[in-house]
C-alpha atoms as a PDB file:
ATOM      1  CA  MET A   1     -20.781  94.242 226.813  1.00  0.00           C
ATOM      2  CA  THR A   2     -19.206  94.111 222.834  1.00  0.00           C
ATOM      3  CA  ALA A   3     -18.770  96.326 220.118  1.00  0.00           C
ATOM      4  CA  LEU A   4     -18.414  94.386 216.751  1.00  0.00           C
ATOM      5  CA  THR A   5     -16.372  96.209 214.060  1.00  0.00           C
ATOM      6  CA  ARG A   6     -14.456  95.598 211.292  1.00  0.00           C
ATOM      7  CA  SER A   7     -11.213  97.557 210.379  1.00  0.00           C
ATOM      8  CA  CYS A   8     -11.292  96.393 206.808  1.00  0.00           C
ATOM      9  CA  SER A   9     -13.265  95.334 204.066  1.00  0.00           C
ATOM     10  CA  ILE A  10     -12.409  93.289 200.832  1.00  0.00           C
ATOM     11  CA  ASN A  11     -15.264  92.282 198.474  1.00  0.00           C
ATOM     12  CA  LEU A  12     -14.512  88.463 198.482  1.00  0.00           C
ATOM     13  CA  SER A  13     -15.921  86.674 195.232  1.00  0.00           C
ATOM     14  CA  VAL A  14     -18.626  83.960 195.448  1.00  0.00           C
ATOM     15  CA  ASN A  15     -16.690  81.996 192.973  1.00  0.00           C
ATOM     16  CA  LEU A  16     -14.004  81.673 195.631  1.00  0.00           C
ATOM     17  CA  ILE A  17     -16.494  79.723 197.331  1.00  0.00           C
ATOM     18  CA  PRO A  18     -16.846  76.309 195.196  1.00  0.00           C
ATOM     19  CA  ILE A  19     -13.134  76.000 194.588  1.00  0.00           C
ATOM     20  CA  LEU A  20     -12.033  76.448 198.680  1.00  0.00           C
ATOM     21  CA  GLY A  21     -15.014  73.866 199.344  1.00  0.00           C
ATOM     22  CA  HIS A  22     -13.826  73.030 203.241  1.00  0.00           C
ATOM     23  CA  GLU A  23     -15.964  75.087 205.679  1.00  0.00           C
ATOM     24  CA  ALA A  24     -13.486  75.882 208.042  1.00  0.00           C
ATOM     25  CA  LEU A  25     -10.837  76.719 205.001  1.00  0.00           C
ATOM     26  CA  ILE A  26     -13.613  79.087 204.363  1.00  0.00           C
ATOM     27  CA  THR A  27     -14.047  80.565 207.462  1.00  0.00           C
ATOM     28  CA  SER A  28     -10.700  81.508 207.792  1.00  0.00           C
ATOM     29  CA  VAL A  29     -10.410  83.243 204.715  1.00  0.00           C
ATOM     30  CA  VAL A  30     -13.414  85.241 205.335  1.00  0.00           C
ATOM     31  CA  ARG A  31     -12.047  86.694 208.843  1.00  0.00           C
ATOM     32  CA  ALA A  32      -8.833  87.032 206.951  1.00  0.00           C
ATOM     33  CA  PHE A  33     -10.584  89.289 204.237  1.00  0.00           C
ATOM     34  CA  PHE A  34     -13.064  91.087 206.277  1.00  0.00           C
ATOM     35  CA  CYS A  35     -10.850  91.238 209.594  1.00  0.00           C
ATOM     36  CA  MET A  36     -13.539  90.537 211.465  1.00  0.00           C
ATOM     37  CA  SER A  37     -12.965  91.521 215.636  1.00  0.00           C
ATOM     38  CA  ARG A  38     -14.373  92.546 218.574  1.00  0.00           C
ATOM     39  CA  THR A  39     -13.842  95.269 221.335  1.00  0.00           C
ATOM     40  CA  ILE A  40     -14.563  93.745 224.866  1.00  0.00           C
ATOM     41  CA  ASP A  41     -14.633  95.207 228.430  1.00  0.00           C
ATOM     42  CA  VAL A  42     -12.258  92.472 230.253  1.00  0.00           C
ATOM     43  CA  THR A  43     -11.518  92.624 234.132  1.00  0.00           C
ATOM     44  CA  VAL A  44      -8.596  91.078 235.675  1.00  0.00           C
ATOM     45  CA  THR A  45      -8.326  89.824 238.970  1.00  0.00           C
ATOM     46  CA  TYR A  46      -4.865  89.541 241.056  1.00  0.00           C
ATOM     47  CA  LEU A  47      -5.007  86.935 244.107  1.00  0.00           C
ATOM     48  CA  GLU A  48      -2.063  86.004 245.971  1.00  0.00           C
ATOM     49  CA  MET A  49      -1.177  83.720 249.287  1.00  0.00           C
ATOM     50  CA  ARG A  50       1.355  84.431 251.766  1.00  0.00           C
ATOM     51  CA  GLU A  51       1.840  81.398 253.974  1.00  0.00           C
ATOM     52  CA  PRO A  52       1.861  77.611 253.421  1.00  0.00           C
ATOM     53  CA  GLY A  53      -1.061  77.197 255.960  1.00  0.00           C
ATOM     54  CA  ALA A  54      -3.711  79.260 253.971  1.00  0.00           C
ATOM     55  CA  LEU A  55      -4.106  76.655 251.341  1.00  0.00           C
ATOM     56  CA  ILE A  56      -7.511  74.322 250.965  1.00  0.00           C
ATOM     57  CA  PRO A  57      -6.552  71.349 249.560  1.00  0.00           C
ATOM     58  CA  ALA A  58      -8.683  70.026 246.839  1.00  0.00           C
ATOM     59  CA  VAL A  59      -9.984  66.112 247.442  1.00  0.00           C
ATOM     60  CA  ARG A  60      -7.904  64.114 244.922  1.00  0.00           C
ATOM     61  CA  PRO A  61      -9.674  62.707 241.738  1.00  0.00           C
ATOM     62  CA  GLU A  62      -9.887  58.686 242.734  1.00  0.00           C
ATOM     63  CA  ASN A  63      -8.402  57.983 239.224  1.00  0.00           C
ATOM     64  CA  ASP A  64      -5.216  57.271 237.833  1.00  0.00           C
ATOM     65  CA  TYR A  65      -4.169  60.769 238.472  1.00  0.00           C
ATOM     66  CA  THR A  66      -0.830  62.008 238.367  1.00  0.00           C
ATOM     67  CA  VAL A  67       1.325  64.922 238.115  1.00  0.00           C
ATOM     68  CA  ALA A  68       5.206  65.226 236.215  1.00  0.00           C
ATOM     69  CA  ARG A  69       7.706  67.587 236.093  1.00  0.00           C
ATOM     70  CA  MET A  70       8.698  68.676 232.339  1.00  0.00           C
ATOM     71  CA  ASP A  71      12.416  68.465 233.490  1.00  0.00           C
ATOM     72  CA  GLU A  72      13.638  68.186 229.873  1.00  0.00           C
ATOM     73  CA  PRO A  73      12.982  71.301 227.993  1.00  0.00           C
ATOM     74  CA  VAL A  74      10.733  70.470 224.780  1.00  0.00           C
ATOM     75  CA  PRO A  75       9.291  73.934 222.937  1.00  0.00           C
ATOM     76  CA  GLU A  76       7.346  71.542 220.777  1.00  0.00           C
ATOM     77  CA  TYR A  77       5.581  70.291 224.201  1.00  0.00           C
ATOM     78  CA  ALA A  78       5.275  73.236 225.613  1.00  0.00           C
ATOM     79  CA  ARG A  79       3.452  74.812 222.522  1.00  0.00           C
ATOM     80  CA  PHE A  80       1.470  72.172 222.778  1.00  0.00           C
ATOM     81  CA  LEU A  81       0.019  72.596 226.407  1.00  0.00           C
ATOM     82  CA  TYR A  82      -0.524  75.970 225.617  1.00  0.00           C
ATOM     83  CA  THR A  83      -2.294  75.509 223.047  1.00  0.00           C
ATOM     84  CA  ALA A  84      -4.354  72.990 224.092  1.00  0.00           C
ATOM     85  CA  VAL A  85      -5.373  74.900 227.179  1.00  0.00           C
ATOM     86  CA  GLY A  86      -5.565  78.365 225.869  1.00  0.00           C
ATOM     87  CA  GLY A  87      -6.946  77.517 222.750  1.00  0.00           C
ATOM     88  CA  SER A  88     -10.565  78.288 224.178  1.00  0.00           C
ATOM     89  CA  TRP A  89      -9.717  81.128 225.948  1.00  0.00           C
ATOM     90  CA  TYR A  90      -7.885  84.288 223.879  1.00  0.00           C
ATOM     91  CA  TRP A  91      -4.683  82.961 225.026  1.00  0.00           C
ATOM     92  CA  THR A  92      -2.536  84.887 222.073  1.00  0.00           C
ATOM     93  CA  ASP A  93       0.663  85.932 223.255  1.00  0.00           C
ATOM     94  CA  ARG A  94       3.168  83.112 222.334  1.00  0.00           C
ATOM     95  CA  LEU A  95       1.234  81.959 219.323  1.00  0.00           C
ATOM     96  CA  ARG A  96       4.308  83.494 216.936  1.00  0.00           C
ATOM     97  CA  TRP A  97       6.877  82.568 218.971  1.00  0.00           C
ATOM     98  CA  SER A  98       9.545  81.272 216.542  1.00  0.00           C
ATOM     99  CA  TYR A  99      11.018  77.923 217.786  1.00  0.00           C
ATOM    100  CA  ALA A 100      13.816  79.844 219.317  1.00  0.00           C
ATOM    101  CA  GLU A 101      11.711  81.643 221.331  1.00  0.00           C
ATOM    102  CA  TRP A 102       9.511  78.426 222.757  1.00  0.00           C
ATOM    103  CA  GLN A 103      13.246  76.827 223.374  1.00  0.00           C
ATOM    104  CA  SER A 104      14.753  79.840 225.381  1.00  0.00           C
ATOM    105  CA  HIS A 105      11.354  80.137 227.505  1.00  0.00           C
ATOM    106  CA  VAL A 106      11.419  76.586 228.685  1.00  0.00           C
ATOM    107  CA  ALA A 107      15.052  76.254 229.087  1.00  0.00           C
ATOM    108  CA  ARG A 108      15.172  79.195 231.457  1.00  0.00           C
ATOM    109  CA  PRO A 109      15.880  78.343 235.107  1.00  0.00           C
ATOM    110  CA  GLU A 110      13.459  80.094 236.862  1.00  0.00           C
ATOM    111  CA  ILE A 111      10.546  78.450 234.786  1.00  0.00           C
ATOM    112  CA  HIS A 112       9.026  75.228 236.016  1.00  0.00           C
ATOM    113  CA  THR A 113       6.360  73.358 234.209  1.00  0.00           C
ATOM    114  CA  TRP A 114       4.461  70.759 235.662  1.00  0.00           C
ATOM    115  CA  VAL A 115       1.809  68.368 233.630  1.00  0.00           C
ATOM    116  CA  GLY A 116      -1.051  66.322 234.949  1.00  0.00           C
ATOM    117  CA  TYR A 117      -1.806  62.861 233.589  1.00  0.00           C
ATOM    118  CA  VAL A 118      -5.176  61.097 234.043  1.00  0.00           C
ATOM    119  CA  ASN A 119      -5.423  57.189 232.452  1.00  0.00           C
ATOM    120  CA  GLY A 120      -2.123  58.051 230.681  1.00  0.00           C
ATOM    121  CA  ALA A 121      -3.198  61.422 228.446  1.00  0.00           C
ATOM    122  CA  PRO A 122      -2.393  65.131 229.747  1.00  0.00           C
ATOM    123  CA  PHE A 123      -5.070  66.976 230.603  1.00  0.00           C
ATOM    124  CA  GLY A 124      -3.429  70.213 232.169  1.00  0.00           C
ATOM    125  CA  TYR A 125      -0.525  71.586 233.360  1.00  0.00           C
ATOM    126  CA  PHE A 126       0.517  74.667 235.242  1.00  0.00           C
ATOM    127  CA  GLU A 127       3.802  76.796 235.096  1.00  0.00           C
ATOM    128  CA  LEU A 128       5.552  78.301 237.491  1.00  0.00           C
ATOM    129  CA  GLN A 129       8.190  81.539 237.529  1.00  0.00           C
ATOM    130  CA  ASP A 130      10.514  82.563 240.502  1.00  0.00           C
ATOM    131  CA  GLU A 131      10.662  85.869 241.163  1.00  0.00           C
ATOM    132  CA  PRO A 132      12.542  88.925 242.962  1.00  0.00           C
ATOM    133  CA  GLY A 133      11.223  88.815 246.758  1.00  0.00           C
ATOM    134  CA  PRO A 134      11.284  85.766 246.818  1.00  0.00           C
ATOM    135  CA  GLU A 135       8.234  85.282 245.195  1.00  0.00           C
ATOM    136  CA  VAL A 136       6.504  82.566 242.695  1.00  0.00           C
ATOM    137  CA  GLN A 137       3.682  83.586 239.774  1.00  0.00           C
ATOM    138  CA  ILE A 138       1.482  80.577 238.342  1.00  0.00           C
ATOM    139  CA  GLN A 139       1.979  82.093 235.071  1.00  0.00           C
ATOM    140  CA  ALA A 140       0.318  79.511 233.253  1.00  0.00           C
ATOM    141  CA  PHE A 141      -2.619  76.989 234.572  1.00  0.00           C
ATOM    142  CA  GLY A 142      -5.242  75.530 232.499  1.00  0.00           C
ATOM    143  CA  LEU A 143      -6.963  71.862 231.702  1.00  0.00           C
ATOM    144  CA  LEU A 144      -7.792  70.049 228.412  1.00  0.00           C
ATOM    145  CA  PRO A 145     -11.275  71.398 227.049  1.00  0.00           C
ATOM    146  CA  GLN A 146     -12.395  67.597 227.726  1.00  0.00           C
ATOM    147  CA  PHE A 147     -11.740  67.358 231.296  1.00  0.00           C
ATOM    148  CA  ILE A 148     -13.200  70.500 232.609  1.00  0.00           C
ATOM    149  CA  GLY A 149     -15.849  69.497 234.790  1.00  0.00           C
ATOM    150  CA  ARG A 150     -14.668  66.039 236.099  1.00  0.00           C
ATOM    151  CA  GLY A 151     -12.921  67.626 239.726  1.00  0.00           C
ATOM    152  CA  LEU A 152      -9.568  67.551 238.372  1.00  0.00           C
ATOM    153  CA  GLY A 153      -8.775  71.259 238.277  1.00  0.00           C
ATOM    154  CA  GLY A 154      -9.441  72.113 242.042  1.00  0.00           C
ATOM    155  CA  ALA A 155      -6.705  68.736 242.660  1.00  0.00           C
ATOM    156  CA  LEU A 156      -3.981  70.356 239.904  1.00  0.00           C
ATOM    157  CA  LEU A 157      -4.539  73.783 241.181  1.00  0.00           C
ATOM    158  CA  THR A 158      -3.282  72.146 244.694  1.00  0.00           C
ATOM    159  CA  ASP A 159      -0.242  70.553 243.476  1.00  0.00           C
ATOM    160  CA  ALA A 160       0.791  73.990 241.783  1.00  0.00           C
ATOM    161  CA  ILE A 161       0.217  75.929 245.380  1.00  0.00           C
ATOM    162  CA  ARG A 162       2.065  73.193 246.934  1.00  0.00           C
ATOM    163  CA  HIS A 163       5.199  72.833 244.442  1.00  0.00           C
ATOM    164  CA  ALA A 164       5.281  76.744 244.756  1.00  0.00           C
ATOM    165  CA  TRP A 165       5.695  76.712 248.090  1.00  0.00           C
ATOM    166  CA  LEU A 166       8.008  74.415 247.838  1.00  0.00           C
ATOM    167  CA  ARG A 167      10.557  76.303 245.681  1.00  0.00           C
ATOM    168  CA  GLY A 168      10.519  79.023 248.907  1.00  0.00           C
ATOM    169  CA  PRO A 169       8.867  82.150 248.337  1.00  0.00           C
ATOM    170  CA  ARG A 170       7.485  84.569 250.512  1.00  0.00           C
ATOM    171  CA  ARG A 171       4.726  85.203 248.388  1.00  0.00           C
ATOM    172  CA  LEU A 172       2.918  83.422 245.400  1.00  0.00           C
ATOM    173  CA  TRP A 173       0.636  85.492 243.088  1.00  0.00           C
ATOM    174  CA  VAL A 174      -1.462  84.625 239.871  1.00  0.00           C
ATOM    175  CA  HIS A 175      -4.012  86.747 237.610  1.00  0.00           C
ATOM    176  CA  THR A 176      -6.895  85.515 235.965  1.00  0.00           C
ATOM    177  CA  CYS A 177      -9.459  87.424 234.117  1.00  0.00           C
ATOM    178  CA  THR A 178     -12.773  87.429 232.465  1.00  0.00           C
ATOM    179  CA  LEU A 179     -11.595  85.562 229.352  1.00  0.00           C
ATOM    180  CA  ASP A 180     -10.767  82.517 231.115  1.00  0.00           C
ATOM    181  CA  GLY A 181     -12.804  79.892 231.911  1.00  0.00           C
ATOM    182  CA  ALA A 182     -16.277  80.520 234.453  1.00  0.00           C
ATOM    183  CA  HIS A 183     -14.903  78.254 237.246  1.00  0.00           C
ATOM    184  CA  ALA A 184     -11.180  79.503 237.059  1.00  0.00           C
ATOM    185  CA  LEU A 185     -11.388  82.842 239.380  1.00  0.00           C
ATOM    186  CA  ASN A 186     -13.911  80.459 242.018  1.00  0.00           C
ATOM    187  CA  ASN A 187     -11.195  77.963 242.055  1.00  0.00           C
ATOM    188  CA  TYR A 188      -8.404  80.164 243.112  1.00  0.00           C
ATOM    189  CA  ARG A 189     -10.623  81.272 246.040  1.00  0.00           C
ATOM    190  CA  ALA A 190     -11.669  78.253 246.693  1.00  0.00           C
ATOM    191  CA  ARG A 191      -7.979  76.774 247.456  1.00  0.00           C
ATOM    192  CA  GLY A 192      -7.362  80.006 249.644  1.00  0.00           C
ATOM    193  CA  LEU A 193      -6.072  82.896 247.243  1.00  0.00           C
ATOM    194  CA  ARG A 194      -7.235  86.383 248.288  1.00  0.00           C
ATOM    195  CA  VAL A 195      -7.735  89.023 245.677  1.00  0.00           C
ATOM    196  CA  TYR A 196      -5.564  91.880 246.421  1.00  0.00           C
ATOM    197  CA  LYS A 197      -6.314  94.181 242.902  1.00  0.00           C
ATOM    198  CA  GLU A 198      -8.547  94.273 240.018  1.00  0.00           C
ATOM    199  CA  GLU A 199      -8.120  95.898 236.764  1.00  0.00           C
ATOM    200  CA  SER A 200     -10.404  96.911 233.745  1.00  0.00           C
ATOM    201  CA  THR A 201      -9.645  97.107 230.111  1.00  0.00           C
ATOM    202  CA  ARG A 202     -10.761  97.323 226.971  1.00  0.00           C
ATOM    203  CA  GLN A 203      -9.489  94.716 224.704  1.00  0.00           C
ATOM    204  CA  GLU A 204      -9.743  94.031 220.312  1.00  0.00           C
ATOM    205  CA  LEU A 205     -10.325  90.181 220.023  1.00  0.00           C
ATOM    206  CA  ASP A 206     -10.888  87.754 217.249  1.00  0.00           C
ATOM    207  CA  ASP A 207     -14.859  87.037 216.730  1.00  0.00           C
ATOM    208  CA  SER A 208     -13.451  83.514 218.350  1.00  0.00           C
ATOM    209  CA  PRO A 209     -11.186  82.416 220.159  1.00  0.00           C
ATOM    210  CA  PRO A 210      -8.310  80.479 218.067  1.00  0.00           C
ATOM    211  CA  GLY A 211      -8.491  76.921 219.442  1.00  0.00           C
ATOM    212  CA  PRO A 212      -5.692  74.351 219.643  1.00  0.00           C
ATOM    213  CA  TRP A 213      -4.849  74.696 215.948  1.00  0.00           C
ATOM    214  CA  PRO A 214      -6.412  76.813 212.899  1.00  0.00           C
ATOM    215  CA  GLY A 215      -9.739  75.773 211.864  1.00  0.00           C
ATOM    216  CA  ALA A 216     -10.017  72.901 214.553  1.00  0.00           C
ATOM    217  CA  ARG A 217     -13.690  74.270 215.839  1.00  0.00           C
ATOM    218  CA  ALA A 218     -12.586  72.452 218.870  1.00  0.00           C
ATOM    219  CA  PRO A 219     -16.050  73.325 221.331  1.00  0.00           C
ATOM    220  CA  LEU A 220     -15.363  75.686 224.730  1.00  0.00           C
ATOM    221  CA  GLY A 221     -14.653  73.965 227.829  1.00  0.00           C
ATOM    222  CA  ARG A 222     -17.812  73.502 230.319  1.00  0.00           C
END
């Protein structure tokens, strides 16, 4: 259940509309002035896998599918992946990071980023993080919207789990929430991950996801 809230209100002169012109710019200005947001119940689900044999691999798609590790830390590309994949699902935690913060993140030795490519284009990525235990967290996982529904998500998650186990952990884990894509939780379960905890929170969100860049108005993933 959602509740539309406006934390502030400022009169916006109609005389600005002809000056601004562009619809996307008008929308951004209206949001900024009226602070449009909503409060929503969000369920966070935590899943884990405790042995490599629990993996249920997906069928590999019959196309030019490859996965490559991003060995060279490139902040620009890391931010592109984060916004291109997460822009439809309220991935906002890192949007305000400076260049130095992105650079520091991708250079951390415990962070491992892998990118999926099909026909030469990046279609998704996953980010693994080594943790004490030893454990590995699948810290980020997802597809660009135009590649959802093409049988790539299961294959990419299979690769993410296999590469996580190659790091020698005793356990790997991931969390997802009801703000993520409709197939996210089912994909994790289908690959053999098991739910071990659920939490419910209330979050105040912008009236729509940020998209891959301001004003992009990109379609949500299917």
